[in-house]
Amino acid sequence: MDSGGSWDDTDDIQDGGTHSCSEVDADDEGMQEEYPVSLDLMPNDTLERILSFLPIESIYKAESVCKRWQTIVRSRNFIRNIYPVHHQLPWYYMFKCTNKHTGHAYDPNLRKWNRISLPNCTESSDLIIGTSGGLVSFYDIDVRTGKLYVGNPLTRQWRELIEPPGLNLPEYGALSMTRSRKSSSEGGSYRISIVESKHVSVNFLEWNLSIHLYDSESKTWRTPLREVLTGWRGGNESAICDGSLYFLMYAAGGGWNMQYQHGLARYSLSGQSLGHDSLARSFIPAPCTLTCGRLMNHGERLVMVGGIGKEGRPGRLKGIGIWVLNGSKWDEIAMMPQEYFERFGGSDDVFACSGSCGLVYIHRYGRSALLMFDMNERRWRWAQKGPVVALKFSLDVFSGFCFKPRLDAMP
């Protein structure tokens, strides 16, 4: 968006904020009489068709114009028929870590930023986030609050879920979710997974790892796996893809496959038991020495974006690569070109990254400049400059997540 633009919530609604719903005056310049046009006389199907051509961020704001518009925008018929008109790429919601519940979402379709507010539960410093099919879930792993929310950032419908049983102040936690429209529920069903890791008190090299799964149709949690790992622990990266839960593992010393600092573990959500040491037997090593890794689902393909460490100095970032999992092997998709890497800035060994539907978003935690990679076109490009920037010599930290803008996704 141009630097002179405004970022108020109502900026994207054209004309709707200056007229009533029932009457719009015609331009009477040079005319002797005024000819009012009553929108109340317009049939619902005609008004619905007109509203469907609005940008999607304006559609969800249009419901605040009047009760009639709100009824139309929230109707099943409108939501069901709007998606043949709107083909939306995923948005990226960026926020300052000191103010998570107020941020801006980048729309790559219109190349503009939109202000969005999230529930106050996002203020926790121990927040883990998962997204799928237009829904976003937040969980505060701090046992003192233990709040888990799922909702739609566009419609601002949020619901608090029950806390997973047995979750005991994990030192690391990873949250992911998957949404299916093939369901008896109106908005489709969804599943949420939480992978928790916690030290075994008597042995520094041993870690307790548990997987908790939530099903929205039964509204229940279950814990299908608990294992004690030696020399490895879970982290904060996971993704559900093609019926399996994948999560990154981090070397903690003295375990199996110690020639690798990062690895991938797989757990089948079908309920099929893999027996003792199932995670060790599902281990897939990282494609190279990594400083960090980010997992995401792109069309039921598991994609990892990773920082490539320097030889002999694995904690120093020398590049950023993108890979897709093919069986138990990683296929390289792209490497960030040098000119983009230099502008991106390689002084940090970790970075924020999220994506879906073939679009990957990347940015440094200390900068708000957002870089995108289109996996279909194999093209890198920068997003429009955002409304919030890091001040010189400031300690601002930025993070975010990718979500699909949908009006039909209901928690």
Protein backbone atom coordinates (compact mmCIF):
# COMPACT_ATOMS: atom_id res chain seq x y z
CA MET A 1 0.00 0.00 0.00
CA ASP A 2 1.18 3.52 -0.69
CA SER A 3 2.77 5.25 2.27
CA GLY A 4 0.14 7.98 2.24
CA GLY A 5 -2.74 5.55 2.75
CA SER A 6 -4.71 5.13 5.95
CA TRP A 7 -4.85 1.93 7.95
CA ASP A 8 -8.15 2.42 9.78
CA ASP A 9 -10.53 -0.54 9.93
CA THR A 10 -13.07 1.17 7.69
CA ASP A 11 -10.70 2.32 4.98
CA ASP A 12 -11.37 -0.61 2.67
CA ILE A 13 -15.16 -0.08 2.48
CA GLN A 14 -15.93 2.18 -0.40
CA ASP A 15 -18.73 4.72 0.24
CA GLY A 16 -20.50 2.49 2.76
CA GLY A 17 -19.40 4.59 5.70
CA THR A 18 -20.96 7.83 4.44
CA HIS A 19 -24.50 6.74 3.50
CA SER A 20 -27.32 4.92 5.21
CA CYS A 21 -28.25 1.45 4.08
CA SER A 22 -31.73 2.44 2.98
CA GLU A 23 -31.01 5.45 0.81
CA VAL A 24 -28.20 6.76 -1.39
CA ASP A 25 -28.55 10.22 -2.94
CA ALA A 26 -27.76 10.69 -6.60
CA ASP A 27 -25.26 13.35 -7.62
CA ASP A 28 -27.42 16.47 -7.92
CA GLU A 29 -24.76 18.79 -9.36
CA GLY A 30 -26.42 20.67 -12.22
CA MET A 31 -29.80 18.97 -11.63
CA GLN A 32 -33.04 20.56 -10.48
CA GLU A 33 -34.26 17.55 -8.48
CA GLU A 34 -32.85 14.74 -6.38
CA TYR A 35 -33.71 11.17 -7.26
CA PRO A 36 -33.22 8.89 -4.24
CA VAL A 37 -32.37 5.25 -4.88
CA SER A 38 -33.71 2.89 -2.23
CA LEU A 39 -31.61 -0.19 -1.54
CA ASP A 40 -34.52 -1.55 0.47
CA LEU A 41 -36.38 -2.16 -2.81
CA MET A 42 -33.53 -4.23 -4.23
CA PRO A 43 -34.15 -7.99 -4.03
CA ASN A 44 -31.87 -9.98 -1.75
CA ASP A 45 -30.43 -12.06 -4.57
CA THR A 46 -29.47 -8.91 -6.50
CA LEU A 47 -27.88 -7.29 -3.45
CA GLU A 48 -26.11 -10.57 -2.66
CA ARG A 49 -24.68 -10.66 -6.17
CA ILE A 50 -23.40 -7.08 -5.86
CA LEU A 51 -21.78 -7.74 -2.48
CA SER A 52 -20.06 -10.86 -3.81
CA PHE A 53 -17.90 -8.70 -6.09
CA LEU A 54 -16.41 -6.79 -3.16
CA PRO A 55 -12.89 -7.75 -2.05
CA ILE A 56 -13.16 -10.34 0.67
CA GLU A 57 -11.80 -8.02 3.37
CA SER A 58 -14.61 -5.58 2.51
CA ILE A 59 -17.24 -8.32 2.57
CA TYR A 60 -16.66 -9.20 6.20
CA LYS A 61 -16.68 -5.50 7.12
CA ALA A 62 -19.88 -4.89 5.12
CA GLU A 63 -21.91 -6.72 7.74
CA SER A 64 -21.54 -3.72 10.05
CA VAL A 65 -23.43 -1.45 7.60
CA CYS A 66 -26.91 -2.63 8.63
CA LYS A 67 -28.77 -5.70 9.84
CA ARG A 68 -29.92 -6.66 6.36
CA TRP A 69 -26.37 -6.71 5.00
CA GLN A 70 -25.22 -8.66 8.03
CA THR A 71 -27.92 -11.29 7.42
CA ILE A 72 -26.92 -11.62 3.76
CA VAL A 73 -23.19 -11.83 4.41
CA ARG A 74 -23.67 -14.50 7.09
CA SER A 75 -26.20 -16.56 5.12
CA ARG A 76 -25.23 -20.05 3.98
CA ASN A 77 -26.27 -19.30 0.41
CA PHE A 78 -23.96 -16.27 0.19
CA ILE A 79 -21.00 -18.08 1.72
CA ARG A 80 -21.55 -21.14 -0.47
CA ASN A 81 -21.75 -19.12 -3.70
CA ILE A 82 -18.98 -16.59 -3.08
CA TYR A 83 -15.95 -18.85 -3.57
CA PRO A 84 -16.41 -19.42 -7.32
CA VAL A 85 -16.02 -15.61 -7.54
CA HIS A 86 -13.14 -15.22 -5.04
CA HIS A 87 -9.95 -17.18 -5.56
CA GLN A 88 -7.89 -16.07 -2.62
CA LEU A 89 -4.23 -16.71 -1.98
CA PRO A 90 -3.31 -17.11 1.71
CA TRP A 91 -2.74 -13.97 3.77
CA TYR A 92 0.06 -13.34 6.24
CA TYR A 93 -0.79 -11.81 9.61
CA MET A 94 2.16 -9.89 11.10
CA PHE A 95 2.34 -8.46 14.60
CA LYS A 96 4.77 -7.07 17.12
CA CYS A 97 5.42 -9.62 19.82
CA THR A 98 4.56 -6.96 22.41
CA ASN A 99 1.08 -6.55 20.88
CA LYS A 100 -0.08 -9.79 19.26
CA HIS A 101 -3.83 -9.10 19.27
CA THR A 102 -3.55 -6.05 16.96
CA GLY A 103 -1.71 -6.48 13.70
CA HIS A 104 -2.03 -6.33 9.92
CA ALA A 105 -2.63 -9.07 7.37
CA TYR A 106 -1.06 -8.89 3.92
CA ASP A 107 -3.34 -9.71 1.00
CA PRO A 108 -1.17 -10.79 -1.98
CA ASN A 109 -4.17 -10.67 -4.31
CA LEU A 110 -4.63 -6.90 -3.91
CA ARG A 111 -1.09 -6.28 -2.60
CA LYS A 112 -2.33 -4.41 0.46
CA TRP A 113 -2.35 -4.70 4.24
CA ASN A 114 -5.53 -4.93 6.32
CA ARG A 115 -5.85 -4.28 10.03
CA ILE A 116 -7.16 -7.28 11.96
CA SER A 117 -7.73 -7.76 15.68
CA LEU A 118 -7.34 -11.06 17.47
CA PRO A 119 -8.74 -12.09 20.88
CA ASN A 120 -6.91 -10.95 24.00
CA CYS A 121 -5.71 -14.50 24.66
CA THR A 122 -2.92 -13.86 22.15
CA GLU A 123 -1.05 -11.63 24.61
CA SER A 124 0.79 -14.57 26.19
CA SER A 125 4.53 -14.86 25.59
CA ASP A 126 4.20 -18.68 25.52
CA LEU A 127 1.72 -18.78 22.63
CA ILE A 128 1.86 -21.54 19.99
CA ILE A 129 -0.18 -21.20 16.80
CA GLY A 130 -1.66 -23.49 14.14
CA THR A 131 -3.77 -22.72 11.05
CA SER A 132 -5.77 -24.61 8.45
CA GLY A 133 -8.59 -23.88 6.01
CA GLY A 134 -9.38 -20.40 7.29
CA LEU A 135 -9.22 -21.30 10.99
CA VAL A 136 -6.50 -20.31 13.46
CA SER A 137 -5.84 -21.91 16.82
CA PHE A 138 -3.88 -20.43 19.73
CA TYR A 139 -2.69 -22.19 22.83
CA ASP A 140 -1.00 -20.72 25.87
CA ILE A 141 1.23 -23.50 27.19
CA ASP A 142 1.68 -21.60 30.45
CA VAL A 143 -0.08 -23.84 32.98
CA ARG A 144 -1.29 -20.80 34.93
CA THR A 145 -3.70 -19.87 32.16
CA GLY A 146 -3.89 -22.83 29.77
CA LYS A 147 -6.25 -21.18 27.29
CA LEU A 148 -6.90 -22.78 23.91
CA TYR A 149 -8.87 -20.84 21.29
CA VAL A 150 -9.87 -21.58 17.72
CA GLY A 151 -11.57 -19.14 15.36
CA ASN A 152 -11.76 -17.22 12.11
CA PRO A 153 -9.74 -13.95 11.95
CA LEU A 154 -12.05 -12.52 9.28
CA THR A 155 -15.46 -13.22 10.83
CA ARG A 156 -14.04 -12.70 14.34
CA GLN A 157 -15.83 -15.79 15.62
CA TRP A 158 -13.79 -17.44 18.37
CA ARG A 159 -14.40 -20.37 20.66
CA GLU A 160 -12.52 -21.53 23.72
CA LEU A 161 -11.79 -25.26 23.80
CA ILE A 162 -11.21 -27.48 26.77
CA GLU A 163 -7.60 -27.85 27.86
CA PRO A 164 -5.77 -31.05 26.87
CA PRO A 165 -5.62 -33.46 29.83
CA GLY A 166 -2.20 -34.23 31.23
CA LEU A 167 -0.43 -31.25 29.69
CA ASN A 168 2.10 -30.32 32.36
CA LEU A 169 3.97 -27.07 31.71
CA PRO A 170 6.03 -28.31 28.75
CA GLU A 171 9.34 -26.66 28.00
CA TYR A 172 8.61 -26.93 24.26
CA GLY A 173 5.31 -27.23 22.45
CA ALA A 174 4.22 -27.43 18.80
CA LEU A 175 0.64 -26.93 17.62
CA SER A 176 -0.85 -27.81 14.23
CA MET A 177 -4.33 -28.34 12.86
CA THR A 178 -6.16 -29.65 9.83
CA ARG A 179 -9.67 -28.80 8.67
CA SER A 180 -11.97 -30.95 6.57
CA ARG A 181 -15.15 -29.76 4.85
CA LYS A 182 -16.39 -33.36 4.51
CA SER A 183 -18.24 -33.36 7.79
CA SER A 184 -21.70 -33.44 9.27
CA SER A 185 -20.97 -30.15 11.04
CA GLU A 186 -21.96 -26.94 9.29
CA GLY A 187 -18.52 -25.38 9.02
CA GLY A 188 -16.53 -28.59 8.57
CA SER A 189 -14.64 -30.54 11.21
CA TYR A 190 -11.06 -30.00 12.33
CA ARG A 191 -8.37 -31.72 14.33
CA ILE A 192 -5.73 -30.09 16.50
CA SER A 193 -2.46 -31.63 17.63
CA ILE A 194 -0.10 -30.54 20.40
CA VAL A 195 3.36 -32.09 20.72
CA GLU A 196 4.88 -31.38 24.12
CA SER A 197 8.43 -31.98 25.31
CA LYS A 198 9.64 -31.85 28.90
CA HIS A 199 12.86 -32.83 30.65
CA VAL A 200 13.00 -36.02 32.68
CA SER A 201 14.05 -34.66 36.06
CA VAL A 202 16.61 -37.34 36.89
CA ASN A 203 18.39 -37.42 33.52
CA PHE A 204 19.38 -34.34 31.55
CA LEU A 205 19.63 -36.31 28.27
CA GLU A 206 16.13 -37.80 28.51
CA TRP A 207 12.97 -36.02 27.40
CA ASN A 208 9.33 -36.93 27.81
CA LEU A 209 7.42 -36.42 24.57
CA SER A 210 3.63 -36.63 24.32
CA ILE A 211 1.16 -36.14 21.47
CA HIS A 212 -2.33 -34.79 22.25
CA LEU A 213 -5.07 -34.85 19.60
CA TYR A 214 -8.40 -32.96 19.59
CA ASP A 215 -11.40 -33.81 17.40
CA SER A 216 -14.01 -31.08 16.88
CA GLU A 217 -16.84 -33.51 16.12
CA SER A 218 -16.49 -35.50 19.36
CA LYS A 219 -15.15 -32.44 21.26
CA THR A 220 -12.66 -34.67 23.05
CA TRP A 221 -8.91 -35.00 23.53
CA ARG A 222 -6.86 -38.18 23.50
CA THR A 223 -3.16 -38.83 24.08
CA PRO A 224 -2.15 -41.66 21.72
CA LEU A 225 1.60 -41.48 22.29
CA ARG A 226 3.98 -40.96 25.19
CA GLU A 227 7.67 -41.75 24.80
CA VAL A 228 10.93 -41.06 26.59
CA LEU A 229 13.61 -39.93 24.15
CA THR A 230 17.34 -40.01 24.80
CA GLY A 231 19.43 -37.25 23.25
CA TRP A 232 16.51 -35.79 21.27
CA ARG A 233 13.62 -33.49 22.06
CA GLY A 234 10.69 -31.95 20.26
CA GLY A 235 10.47 -28.24 19.50
CA ASN A 236 7.91 -25.71 18.28
CA GLU A 237 7.49 -26.87 14.66
CA SER A 238 4.87 -29.34 13.44
CA ALA A 239 2.46 -29.84 10.55
CA ILE A 240 -0.37 -32.23 9.68
CA CYS A 241 -0.07 -33.46 6.13
CA ASP A 242 -1.73 -36.32 4.23
CA GLY A 243 -3.00 -38.07 7.34
CA SER A 244 0.24 -37.85 9.33
CA LEU A 245 1.61 -35.54 11.99
CA TYR A 246 5.18 -34.39 11.34
CA PHE A 247 7.35 -32.50 13.82
CA LEU A 248 10.96 -31.41 14.01
CA MET A 249 13.34 -33.05 16.45
CA TYR A 250 16.41 -31.34 17.93
CA ALA A 251 19.62 -33.01 19.10
CA ALA A 252 20.14 -32.84 22.84
CA GLY A 253 23.23 -35.07 23.02
CA GLY A 254 23.87 -38.81 23.29
CA GLY A 255 20.99 -40.18 21.21
CA TRP A 256 20.47 -42.08 17.96
CA ASN A 257 21.59 -40.49 14.67
CA MET A 258 23.71 -37.91 16.46
CA GLN A 259 25.48 -36.96 13.21
CA TYR A 260 22.40 -34.80 12.58
CA GLN A 261 21.38 -31.76 14.61
CA HIS A 262 17.84 -31.70 13.23
CA GLY A 263 15.50 -34.45 12.13
CA LEU A 264 11.87 -35.12 11.31
CA ALA A 265 9.55 -37.49 13.15
CA ARG A 266 6.29 -38.84 11.75
CA TYR A 267 3.19 -40.10 13.56
CA SER A 268 0.26 -41.59 11.65
CA LEU A 269 -3.11 -40.12 12.64
CA SER A 270 -4.89 -43.26 11.47
CA GLY A 271 -4.30 -44.79 14.88
CA GLN A 272 -1.97 -47.49 13.55
CA SER A 273 0.48 -48.43 16.28
CA LEU A 274 4.15 -48.36 15.34
CA GLY A 275 5.26 -50.18 18.47
CA HIS A 276 8.18 -49.42 20.78
CA ASP A 277 10.57 -46.62 19.73
CA SER A 278 8.18 -45.64 16.95
CA LEU A 279 9.59 -42.12 16.68
CA ALA A 280 13.17 -43.37 16.37
CA ARG A 281 12.16 -45.69 13.52
CA SER A 282 10.29 -42.90 11.71
CA PHE A 283 13.26 -40.51 11.93
CA ILE A 284 14.12 -38.63 8.71
CA PRO A 285 17.37 -36.63 8.81
CA ALA A 286 17.47 -33.00 7.72
CA PRO A 287 18.72 -32.35 4.16
CA CYS A 288 21.75 -30.42 5.45
CA THR A 289 23.10 -28.66 8.53
CA LEU A 290 20.31 -26.31 9.62
CA THR A 291 20.17 -23.31 11.91
CA CYS A 292 16.37 -23.62 12.07
CA GLY A 293 13.49 -25.27 10.21
CA ARG A 294 9.87 -24.34 9.51
CA LEU A 295 7.25 -26.92 8.49
CA MET A 296 4.08 -26.30 6.45
CA ASN A 297 1.46 -28.13 4.43
CA HIS A 298 1.22 -27.21 0.74
CA GLY A 299 -1.48 -29.22 -0.99
CA GLU A 300 -0.87 -32.24 1.30
CA ARG A 301 2.84 -32.06 0.56
CA LEU A 302 5.16 -31.42 3.50
CA VAL A 303 7.42 -28.44 2.84
CA MET A 304 10.33 -27.30 5.01
CA VAL A 305 12.03 -23.92 4.86
CA GLY A 306 15.38 -24.01 6.59
CA GLY A 307 18.33 -21.82 7.42
CA ILE A 308 21.54 -23.38 6.09
CA GLY A 309 24.43 -23.30 8.53
CA LYS A 310 28.04 -22.54 7.60
CA GLU A 311 30.52 -25.39 7.55
CA GLY A 312 32.35 -25.54 10.85
CA ARG A 313 30.02 -22.84 12.24
CA PRO A 314 26.57 -24.46 12.13
CA GLY A 315 25.02 -21.66 14.15
CA ARG A 316 25.83 -19.06 11.46
CA LEU A 317 23.37 -18.60 8.61
CA LYS A 318 24.77 -18.71 5.07
CA GLY A 319 21.57 -19.20 3.09
CA ILE A 320 17.90 -20.26 3.13
CA GLY A 321 16.54 -23.28 1.28
CA ILE A 322 13.13 -24.80 0.56
CA TRP A 323 12.57 -28.57 0.35
CA VAL A 324 9.59 -30.89 -0.13
CA LEU A 325 9.43 -34.33 1.47
CA ASN A 326 9.30 -37.17 -1.06
CA GLY A 327 8.88 -40.43 0.83
CA SER A 328 11.81 -40.37 3.25
CA LYS A 329 13.96 -38.03 1.15
CA TRP A 330 14.06 -34.26 0.79
CA ASP A 331 13.83 -32.78 -2.72
CA GLU A 332 15.22 -29.27 -3.13
CA ILE A 333 12.71 -26.75 -4.47
CA ALA A 334 14.66 -23.49 -4.30
CA MET A 335 17.51 -21.58 -2.70
CA MET A 336 17.10 -17.92 -1.84
CA PRO A 337 19.06 -15.90 -4.44
CA GLN A 338 22.03 -13.99 -3.10
CA GLU A 339 20.57 -10.55 -3.83
CA TYR A 340 17.47 -11.39 -1.79
CA PHE A 341 19.52 -12.99 0.99
CA GLU A 342 21.69 -9.88 1.31
CA ARG A 343 18.63 -7.64 1.61
CA PHE A 344 16.96 -10.16 3.93
CA GLY A 345 19.95 -9.94 6.26
CA GLY A 346 21.79 -13.00 7.44
CA SER A 347 22.94 -11.94 10.89
CA ASP A 348 20.19 -13.97 12.65
CA ASP A 349 20.26 -17.76 12.63
CA VAL A 350 16.45 -18.01 12.98
CA PHE A 351 13.56 -16.35 11.17
CA ALA A 352 9.76 -16.36 10.94
CA CYS A 353 8.20 -18.35 8.11
CA SER A 354 4.76 -19.70 7.23
CA GLY A 355 2.82 -20.61 4.13
CA SER A 356 0.21 -22.68 2.31
CA CYS A 357 -1.33 -23.19 -1.14
CA GLY A 358 2.05 -22.82 -2.83
CA LEU A 359 2.94 -19.44 -1.27
CA VAL A 360 5.71 -19.09 1.33
CA TYR A 361 6.21 -16.01 3.54
CA ILE A 362 9.56 -15.28 5.22
CA HIS A 363 10.84 -12.40 7.35
CA ARG A 364 13.41 -11.71 10.03
CA TYR A 365 12.18 -11.36 13.59
CA GLY A 366 13.80 -7.95 13.81
CA ARG A 367 12.32 -6.60 10.55
CA SER A 368 8.86 -6.21 9.07
CA ALA A 369 10.00 -6.51 5.42
CA LEU A 370 8.09 -9.52 4.08
CA LEU A 371 9.56 -11.78 1.38
CA MET A 372 7.40 -14.21 -0.61
CA PHE A 373 8.20 -17.27 -2.70
CA ASP A 374 5.68 -18.66 -5.21
CA MET A 375 6.30 -22.40 -5.43
CA ASN A 376 4.28 -22.76 -8.63
CA GLU A 377 6.07 -19.99 -10.51
CA ARG A 378 9.40 -20.49 -8.66
CA ARG A 379 9.56 -16.75 -8.15
CA TRP A 380 10.76 -14.57 -5.25
CA ARG A 381 9.30 -11.14 -4.61
CA TRP A 382 8.89 -8.61 -1.81
CA ALA A 383 5.50 -7.70 -0.40
CA GLN A 384 4.32 -4.11 -0.32
CA LYS A 385 5.79 -2.12 2.56
CA GLY A 386 3.68 -2.63 5.66
CA PRO A 387 2.15 -0.05 8.00
CA VAL A 388 4.31 -1.10 10.95
CA VAL A 389 8.08 -0.89 10.66
CA ALA A 390 10.93 -1.42 13.07
CA LEU A 391 12.30 1.82 14.44
CA LYS A 392 16.01 2.47 14.22
CA PHE A 393 17.91 1.09 17.23
CA SER A 394 14.65 -0.42 18.55
CA LEU A 395 14.27 -3.91 19.99
CA ASP A 396 10.98 -4.63 18.21
CA VAL A 397 10.38 -8.30 17.43
CA PHE A 398 7.95 -9.28 14.66
CA SER A 399 6.29 -12.61 14.09
CA GLY A 400 3.21 -13.90 12.31
CA PHE A 401 1.34 -16.72 10.65
CA CYS A 402 -0.26 -17.56 7.33
CA PHE A 403 -4.00 -18.24 7.01
CA LYS A 404 -6.51 -18.74 4.21
CA PRO A 405 -9.16 -15.95 4.13
CA ARG A 406 -12.49 -17.75 4.23
CA LEU A 407 -15.94 -16.75 5.40
CA ASP A 408 -17.26 -20.30 5.62
CA ALA A 409 -14.76 -21.53 8.22
CA MET A 410 -16.48 -21.74 11.61
CA PRO A 411 -14.92 -22.93 14.88
